[in-house]
Amino acid sequence: MKPSALSGIKGSTHMQFRNYMWTCAAALVSCFALASIAHAADNGPGALTRLLDAQLSRMPAKAGIYVKHLPTGEEGMVRADEPFESASTIKTATMVLAFRMADAGQLKLDERVEIGAAQMRGGSGIYRYKDLGLRPTWRDVITEMIITSDNTATDMMIAKVGGKEKVNAFLAEQGYKVLKQIHTTGEYFRLGFAALDPKYANISMEDVFALCCADSTIRRMPVFSDQRKGLIEEVRAARKARMGSLPPLNNPEDQTKWFGAASPREMGRLVESFESCTIAKTESCDEMRRMFRAQQAGTMKIPHYLTVPVGHKTGETGGVTNDVGVIYARSGPIVISFFNMNMTGSRADTEDMMGEVARTVVDYFDGRRG
């Protein structure tokens, strides 16, 4: 046999041996990887979840959170699938549906609408302090629903998209099991008067606004006219008999008394849908992100201790304080959905602790990357 032929055989054998060794090494790596995964599963939740669980255990409330780092997909969560009173965070669902309708040509965001007495709602927002006859665009109405949590704007938008039933049908179509708009804001406030006396269960929305806001609205409006003076005085007397306050609305055991229902994971998924733009056209996602970034709730809750931008939507009722949105960390966007109900401590303490948790989340993702 010629030397050249022998060297070819040796070279071929060497190559086969090397390939065999690479195959064995790959198999070993796969085995170690599978073993690591099994080990992690045996040891329970990941590092972020354990960190969150430790912090939430100190919250003076029943607390739930869902966190997702969008660049890596890493998640952390506590009570992520349990139902919580959504408070105003559920208004996010109406915003998303409205932009989907705009994308489909079913809603013109530049169209103007007049705000009359029948549209006025109490609670948060700015429209209740304006003269009647204001004509914002539907885009303006959505914006106020998000950035000032305006309740007048909220009920106008819920009606515009087809009612709370249409909002809930949209959520069901998207696969959400917990997310739900249970009441409009007007219906929610009327529950309080019905709890005071069942005879108020069917009063008009104008009556609800007059009862809630006759003493706190800057400008005199037709709904505060003499024809409602007797009703207003009657309810004042009933409140006085009940030691000056209405019964609490958000019974944690009775979801029918909630404004809306949400789980941290599902609300996080809804926020991710427009942050990652899987739910609407690019221009619409840009507008929704802009609205969240324009939040006027101040630097409380999630943004409290952060030095990076945050887009978010807050929500509060008695015993409830929530915040959901996106933290624009140096390492990339972080979806965060944070719910608290049945508070046993002060609201200020709970919201300060929400800020501390958010800072921990940012440190976890940004700090480990130097």
Protein backbone atom coordinates (compact mmCIF):
# COMPACT_ATOMS: atom_id res chain seq x y z
CA MET A 1 0.00 0.00 0.00
CA LYS A 2 1.31 3.43 -0.90
CA PRO A 3 2.11 5.86 1.91
CA SER A 4 -0.34 8.41 0.48
CA ALA A 5 -3.23 5.92 0.70
CA LEU A 6 -2.30 4.99 4.28
CA SER A 7 -2.25 8.65 5.37
CA GLY A 8 -5.67 9.11 3.81
CA ILE A 9 -7.03 6.21 5.86
CA LYS A 10 -5.42 7.61 9.01
CA GLY A 11 -6.88 11.07 8.29
CA SER A 12 -10.33 9.63 7.73
CA THR A 13 -10.13 7.59 10.93
CA HIS A 14 -8.99 10.66 12.87
CA MET A 15 -11.91 12.68 11.53
CA GLN A 16 -14.38 9.96 12.48
CA PHE A 17 -12.89 9.76 15.97
CA ARG A 18 -13.09 13.52 16.40
CA ASN A 19 -16.74 13.57 15.26
CA TYR A 20 -17.48 10.74 17.65
CA MET A 21 -15.96 12.71 20.54
CA TRP A 22 -17.97 15.82 19.62
CA THR A 23 -21.15 13.73 19.57
CA CYS A 24 -20.37 12.36 23.02
CA ALA A 25 -19.59 15.83 24.35
CA ALA A 26 -22.84 17.22 22.95
CA ALA A 27 -24.76 14.38 24.55
CA LEU A 28 -23.10 15.11 27.88
CA VAL A 29 -23.95 18.81 27.62
CA SER A 30 -27.57 17.94 26.86
CA CYS A 31 -27.69 15.61 29.84
CA PHE A 32 -26.22 18.27 32.14
CA ALA A 33 -28.71 20.85 30.79
CA LEU A 34 -31.64 18.52 31.39
CA ALA A 35 -30.34 17.76 34.84
CA SER A 36 -30.04 21.49 35.59
CA ILE A 37 -33.61 22.12 34.44
CA ALA A 38 -34.87 19.25 36.57
CA HIS A 39 -32.85 20.53 39.52
CA ALA A 40 -34.32 24.02 39.12
CA ALA A 41 -37.83 22.57 38.92
CA ASP A 42 -37.23 20.53 42.07
CA ASN A 43 -36.05 23.64 43.89
CA GLY A 44 -39.20 25.66 43.03
CA PRO A 45 -39.43 29.17 41.59
CA GLY A 46 -36.57 31.09 40.05
CA ALA A 47 -34.40 33.72 41.68
CA LEU A 48 -36.58 36.67 40.66
CA THR A 49 -39.77 35.04 41.93
CA ARG A 50 -38.11 34.20 45.24
CA LEU A 51 -36.93 37.79 45.53
CA LEU A 52 -40.41 39.15 44.79
CA ASP A 53 -42.05 36.71 47.17
CA ALA A 54 -39.80 37.85 50.01
CA GLN A 55 -40.63 41.51 49.37
CA LEU A 56 -44.36 41.04 48.89
CA SER A 57 -44.58 39.07 52.14
CA ARG A 58 -43.89 42.37 53.92
CA MET A 59 -46.65 44.30 52.10
CA PRO A 60 -49.52 45.47 54.34
CA ALA A 61 -52.02 44.05 51.82
CA LYS A 62 -52.83 41.01 49.75
CA ALA A 63 -50.29 41.64 46.99
CA GLY A 64 -49.74 40.08 43.59
CA ILE A 65 -47.21 40.84 40.88
CA TYR A 66 -46.11 39.72 37.44
CA VAL A 67 -42.81 40.83 35.89
CA LYS A 68 -41.40 40.03 32.45
CA HIS A 69 -38.11 41.21 30.99
CA LEU A 70 -39.00 41.44 27.30
CA PRO A 71 -35.46 41.11 25.83
CA THR A 72 -34.80 37.79 27.60
CA GLY A 73 -38.30 36.55 28.40
CA GLU A 74 -37.38 35.99 32.05
CA GLU A 75 -40.39 36.16 34.35
CA GLY A 76 -41.03 36.55 38.06
CA MET A 77 -44.40 36.39 39.76
CA VAL A 78 -46.35 36.09 42.99
CA ARG A 79 -50.10 35.28 42.98
CA ALA A 80 -49.92 35.94 39.25
CA ASP A 81 -53.11 34.08 38.39
CA GLU A 82 -55.30 35.10 41.31
CA PRO A 83 -58.13 37.60 40.74
CA PHE A 84 -57.70 41.10 42.13
CA GLU A 85 -59.96 44.15 42.13
CA SER A 86 -58.60 45.93 39.06
CA ALA A 87 -59.70 49.45 39.99
CA SER A 88 -58.89 51.80 37.09
CA THR A 89 -56.20 49.60 35.55
CA ILE A 90 -59.02 47.81 33.66
CA LYS A 91 -59.47 51.01 31.61
CA THR A 92 -56.45 49.75 29.67
CA ALA A 93 -58.72 47.16 28.01
CA THR A 94 -61.06 49.85 26.65
CA MET A 95 -58.06 51.77 25.30
CA VAL A 96 -56.75 48.72 23.43
CA LEU A 97 -60.19 47.89 21.99
CA ALA A 98 -60.69 51.50 20.88
CA PHE A 99 -57.42 51.50 18.93
CA ARG A 100 -58.22 48.15 17.34
CA MET A 101 -61.54 49.61 16.21
CA ALA A 102 -59.73 52.66 14.85
CA ASP A 103 -57.39 50.34 12.91
CA ALA A 104 -60.47 48.64 11.44
CA GLY A 105 -62.07 51.95 10.44
CA GLN A 106 -64.85 51.57 13.02
CA LEU A 107 -63.83 54.58 15.13
CA LYS A 108 -62.44 57.94 14.00
CA LEU A 109 -60.01 59.18 16.60
CA ASP A 110 -60.08 62.75 15.22
CA GLU A 111 -63.88 63.00 15.40
CA ARG A 112 -65.15 65.41 18.06
CA VAL A 113 -67.80 64.66 20.69
CA GLU A 114 -69.68 67.05 22.94
CA ILE A 115 -69.67 66.47 26.71
CA GLY A 116 -73.05 67.19 28.28
CA ALA A 117 -74.54 66.77 31.74
CA ALA A 118 -75.51 63.15 31.06
CA GLN A 119 -71.86 62.20 30.50
CA MET A 120 -70.53 63.71 33.75
CA ARG A 121 -69.04 61.34 36.30
CA GLY A 122 -67.49 61.88 39.72
CA GLY A 123 -64.17 60.71 41.05
CA SER A 124 -60.90 61.12 39.18
CA GLY A 125 -60.34 63.22 36.09
CA ILE A 126 -60.63 66.77 34.79
CA TYR A 127 -63.79 66.93 32.67
CA ARG A 128 -66.05 67.22 35.73
CA TYR A 129 -64.41 70.60 36.43
CA LYS A 130 -65.01 72.00 32.93
CA ASP A 131 -67.98 73.88 31.50
CA LEU A 132 -70.50 71.75 29.67
CA GLY A 133 -70.26 71.71 25.88
CA LEU A 134 -66.55 70.91 25.66
CA ARG A 135 -65.81 69.12 22.37
CA PRO A 136 -62.67 66.96 22.61
CA THR A 137 -61.70 64.39 19.98
CA TRP A 138 -62.10 60.71 20.78
CA ARG A 139 -58.29 60.58 20.95
CA ASP A 140 -58.44 63.26 23.65
CA VAL A 141 -61.06 61.26 25.52
CA ILE A 142 -58.94 58.09 25.47
CA THR A 143 -55.92 60.10 26.57
CA GLU A 144 -57.73 61.53 29.61
CA MET A 145 -59.09 58.08 30.47
CA ILE A 146 -55.46 56.93 30.80
CA ILE A 147 -53.37 59.88 31.97
CA THR A 148 -55.80 61.38 34.51
CA SER A 149 -58.00 58.26 34.85
CA ASP A 150 -60.94 60.50 33.96
CA ASN A 151 -64.21 58.72 34.79
CA THR A 152 -66.31 60.90 32.47
CA ALA A 153 -63.95 59.94 29.63
CA THR A 154 -64.03 56.30 30.71
CA ASP A 155 -67.79 55.89 30.50
CA MET A 156 -67.87 57.81 27.23
CA MET A 157 -65.30 55.43 25.74
CA ILE A 158 -66.94 52.30 27.11
CA ALA A 159 -70.18 53.41 25.47
CA LYS A 160 -68.40 54.32 22.23
CA VAL A 161 -66.79 50.88 21.81
CA GLY A 162 -70.14 49.17 22.36
CA GLY A 163 -70.51 48.90 26.13
CA LYS A 164 -68.83 46.82 28.81
CA GLU A 165 -70.22 43.68 27.13
CA LYS A 166 -68.20 44.48 24.02
CA VAL A 167 -65.09 45.09 26.11
CA ASN A 168 -65.52 41.73 27.82
CA ALA A 169 -66.23 39.93 24.54
CA PHE A 170 -62.97 41.33 23.17
CA LEU A 171 -61.07 40.15 26.25
CA ALA A 172 -62.61 36.68 25.99
CA GLU A 173 -61.71 36.47 22.29
CA GLN A 174 -58.10 37.24 23.24
CA GLY A 175 -58.09 34.32 25.67
CA TYR A 176 -58.29 36.22 28.95
CA LYS A 177 -60.03 34.30 31.74
CA VAL A 178 -59.91 36.83 34.58
CA LEU A 179 -59.75 40.28 32.97
CA LYS A 180 -63.21 41.80 33.03
CA GLN A 181 -64.98 45.17 33.14
CA ILE A 182 -67.64 44.49 35.78
CA HIS A 183 -69.18 47.96 36.01
CA THR A 184 -68.97 51.31 34.30
CA THR A 185 -67.82 54.08 36.62
CA GLY A 186 -71.37 55.41 36.90
CA GLU A 187 -72.69 51.98 37.83
CA TYR A 188 -69.87 51.52 40.33
CA PHE A 189 -70.64 54.78 42.14
CA ARG A 190 -74.36 53.98 42.13
CA LEU A 191 -73.58 50.77 44.05
CA GLY A 192 -72.55 52.93 46.98
CA PHE A 193 -75.86 54.72 47.10
CA ALA A 194 -77.74 51.42 46.71
CA ALA A 195 -75.78 50.09 49.70
CA LEU A 196 -76.93 53.14 51.63
CA ASP A 197 -80.55 52.42 50.69
CA PRO A 198 -81.83 49.93 48.05
CA LYS A 199 -84.23 52.54 46.71
CA TYR A 200 -81.25 54.28 45.10
CA ALA A 201 -80.30 51.22 43.03
CA ASN A 202 -81.85 52.57 39.82
CA ILE A 203 -81.26 56.30 40.04
CA SER A 204 -80.07 58.03 36.86
CA MET A 205 -76.46 58.82 36.08
CA GLU A 206 -77.31 62.53 36.48
CA ASP A 207 -78.60 61.75 39.98
CA VAL A 208 -75.43 59.80 40.78
CA PHE A 209 -73.26 62.74 39.69
CA ALA A 210 -75.36 65.26 41.62
CA LEU A 211 -75.20 63.14 44.78
CA CYS A 212 -71.49 62.55 44.51
CA CYS A 213 -70.29 65.94 43.41
CA ALA A 214 -72.64 68.80 44.34
CA ASP A 215 -70.22 69.98 47.04
CA SER A 216 -66.96 69.40 45.18
CA THR A 217 -67.55 70.56 41.61
CA ILE A 218 -66.29 74.07 40.90
CA ARG A 219 -68.96 75.18 38.44
CA ARG A 220 -72.69 75.09 38.96
CA MET A 221 -74.28 72.61 36.56
CA PRO A 222 -77.88 71.80 35.63
CA VAL A 223 -77.65 68.46 37.46
CA PHE A 224 -77.43 70.39 40.75
CA SER A 225 -80.74 72.13 40.09
CA ASP A 226 -83.58 72.61 42.57
CA GLN A 227 -85.30 69.43 41.36
CA ARG A 228 -82.47 67.40 42.89
CA LYS A 229 -82.09 69.49 46.00
CA GLY A 230 -84.44 67.26 47.97
CA LEU A 231 -82.59 64.09 46.86
CA ILE A 232 -79.22 65.59 47.78
CA GLU A 233 -80.43 66.58 51.26
CA GLU A 234 -82.02 63.17 51.76
CA VAL A 235 -78.79 61.34 50.98
CA ARG A 236 -76.78 63.70 53.17
CA ALA A 237 -79.08 62.85 56.08
CA ALA A 238 -78.76 59.13 55.38
CA ARG A 239 -74.96 59.42 55.29
CA LYS A 240 -74.98 61.31 58.56
CA ALA A 241 -77.03 58.52 60.09
CA ARG A 242 -74.35 56.08 58.87
CA MET A 243 -71.60 58.13 60.57
CA GLY A 244 -70.87 60.22 57.53
CA SER A 245 -69.70 57.62 55.05
CA LEU A 246 -71.01 55.13 52.54
CA PRO A 247 -70.47 51.42 53.14
CA PRO A 248 -67.28 50.11 51.50
CA LEU A 249 -67.81 49.10 47.89
CA ASN A 250 -65.03 46.67 47.09
CA ASN A 251 -65.98 43.64 49.15
CA PRO A 252 -63.04 41.28 48.53
CA GLU A 253 -65.38 38.31 48.75
CA ASP A 254 -67.90 39.65 46.22
CA GLN A 255 -66.58 40.36 42.73
CA THR A 256 -69.99 41.73 41.68
CA LYS A 257 -69.12 44.79 43.76
CA TRP A 258 -65.75 45.33 42.06
CA PHE A 259 -65.17 47.90 39.32
CA GLY A 260 -63.24 45.28 37.36
CA ALA A 261 -61.29 42.06 37.81
CA ALA A 262 -57.71 41.30 36.79
CA SER A 263 -54.88 38.90 37.48
CA PRO A 264 -51.30 40.20 37.46
CA ARG A 265 -50.27 37.84 34.64
CA GLU A 266 -53.21 38.64 32.36
CA MET A 267 -52.88 42.38 32.83
CA GLY A 268 -49.16 42.05 32.15
CA ARG A 269 -49.96 40.17 28.95
CA LEU A 270 -52.36 42.95 27.88
CA VAL A 271 -49.69 45.60 28.45
CA GLU A 272 -47.12 43.49 26.60
CA SER A 273 -49.49 43.24 23.62
CA PHE A 274 -49.13 46.93 22.79
CA GLU A 275 -45.58 47.33 24.06
CA SER A 276 -44.47 44.55 21.68
CA CYS A 277 -47.16 45.61 19.18
CA THR A 278 -48.88 42.30 18.60
CA ILE A 279 -52.40 43.65 19.19
CA ALA A 280 -52.74 46.62 16.83
CA LYS A 281 -51.08 48.51 14.00
CA THR A 282 -47.72 50.18 14.63
CA GLU A 283 -49.14 53.70 14.76
CA SER A 284 -51.79 52.63 17.28
CA CYS A 285 -49.24 50.87 19.49
CA ASP A 286 -47.10 54.01 19.39
CA GLU A 287 -50.07 56.08 20.59
CA MET A 288 -50.91 53.68 23.41
CA ARG A 289 -47.32 53.68 24.60
CA ARG A 290 -47.33 57.49 24.40
CA MET A 291 -50.42 57.65 26.59
CA PHE A 292 -48.90 55.37 29.21
CA ARG A 293 -45.71 57.46 29.17
CA ALA A 294 -47.83 60.63 29.71
CA GLN A 295 -49.31 59.32 32.99
CA GLN A 296 -50.12 62.23 35.35
CA ALA A 297 -50.39 60.25 38.61
CA GLY A 298 -47.04 61.63 39.74
CA THR A 299 -43.98 59.74 40.94
CA MET A 300 -45.77 57.36 43.26
CA LYS A 301 -45.99 53.59 43.08
CA ILE A 302 -43.85 51.96 40.34
CA PRO A 303 -41.84 55.08 39.32
CA HIS A 304 -41.27 56.28 42.88
CA TYR A 305 -37.57 55.42 43.24
CA LEU A 306 -36.67 54.89 39.60
CA THR A 307 -34.35 56.98 37.43
CA VAL A 308 -35.43 55.33 34.17
CA PRO A 309 -38.62 56.13 32.20
CA VAL A 310 -41.90 54.41 33.04
CA GLY A 311 -45.20 54.17 31.15
CA HIS A 312 -48.04 53.06 33.40
CA LYS A 313 -51.69 53.12 34.48
CA THR A 314 -52.65 53.36 38.13
CA GLY A 315 -55.85 52.35 39.89
CA GLU A 316 -57.26 52.92 43.37
CA THR A 317 -60.44 52.27 45.31
CA GLY A 318 -60.98 51.82 49.02
CA GLY A 319 -58.44 49.29 50.27
CA VAL A 320 -56.98 48.86 46.77
CA THR A 321 -53.93 50.38 45.08
CA ASN A 322 -52.54 49.08 41.78
CA ASP A 323 -50.10 50.03 39.05
CA VAL A 324 -49.34 48.36 35.71
CA GLY A 325 -47.05 49.29 32.85
CA VAL A 326 -43.57 49.15 31.37
CA ILE A 327 -40.24 50.16 32.91
CA TYR A 328 -37.78 51.23 30.21
CA ALA A 329 -34.67 49.91 31.91
CA ARG A 330 -31.17 50.10 30.45
CA SER A 331 -31.32 46.36 29.75
CA GLY A 332 -34.63 46.73 27.89
CA PRO A 333 -38.37 47.04 28.58
CA ILE A 334 -39.74 45.32 31.68
CA VAL A 335 -43.49 44.67 31.90
CA ILE A 336 -44.71 45.00 35.48
CA SER A 337 -48.22 44.38 36.77
CA PHE A 338 -48.67 45.08 40.50
CA PHE A 339 -51.92 44.65 42.49
CA ASN A 340 -52.76 45.21 46.16
CA MET A 341 -56.08 44.81 47.92
CA ASN A 342 -57.36 44.37 51.50
CA MET A 343 -54.80 46.88 52.75
CA THR A 344 -54.15 46.68 56.48
CA GLY A 345 -51.64 49.52 56.60
CA SER A 346 -51.56 53.02 55.19
CA ARG A 347 -51.91 53.62 51.46
CA ALA A 348 -48.71 55.69 51.50
CA ASP A 349 -46.69 52.84 53.03
CA THR A 350 -48.07 50.34 50.52
CA GLU A 351 -47.28 52.59 47.57
CA ASP A 352 -43.78 53.33 48.87
CA MET A 353 -43.16 49.59 49.07
CA MET A 354 -44.42 49.19 45.49
CA GLY A 355 -41.68 51.62 44.49
CA GLU A 356 -39.09 49.64 46.43
CA VAL A 357 -40.12 46.44 44.66
CA ALA A 358 -39.90 48.15 41.27
CA ARG A 359 -36.40 49.39 42.10
CA THR A 360 -35.39 45.85 43.05
CA VAL A 361 -36.68 44.58 39.70
CA VAL A 362 -34.65 47.15 37.78
CA ASP A 363 -31.53 46.40 39.84
CA TYR A 364 -32.02 42.70 39.19
CA PHE A 365 -31.99 43.10 35.41
CA ASP A 366 -29.73 46.13 34.98
CA GLY A 367 -27.31 45.53 37.83
CA ARG A 368 -26.31 42.02 36.85
CA ARG A 369 -25.41 43.31 33.39
CA GLY A 370 -23.02 45.87 34.80
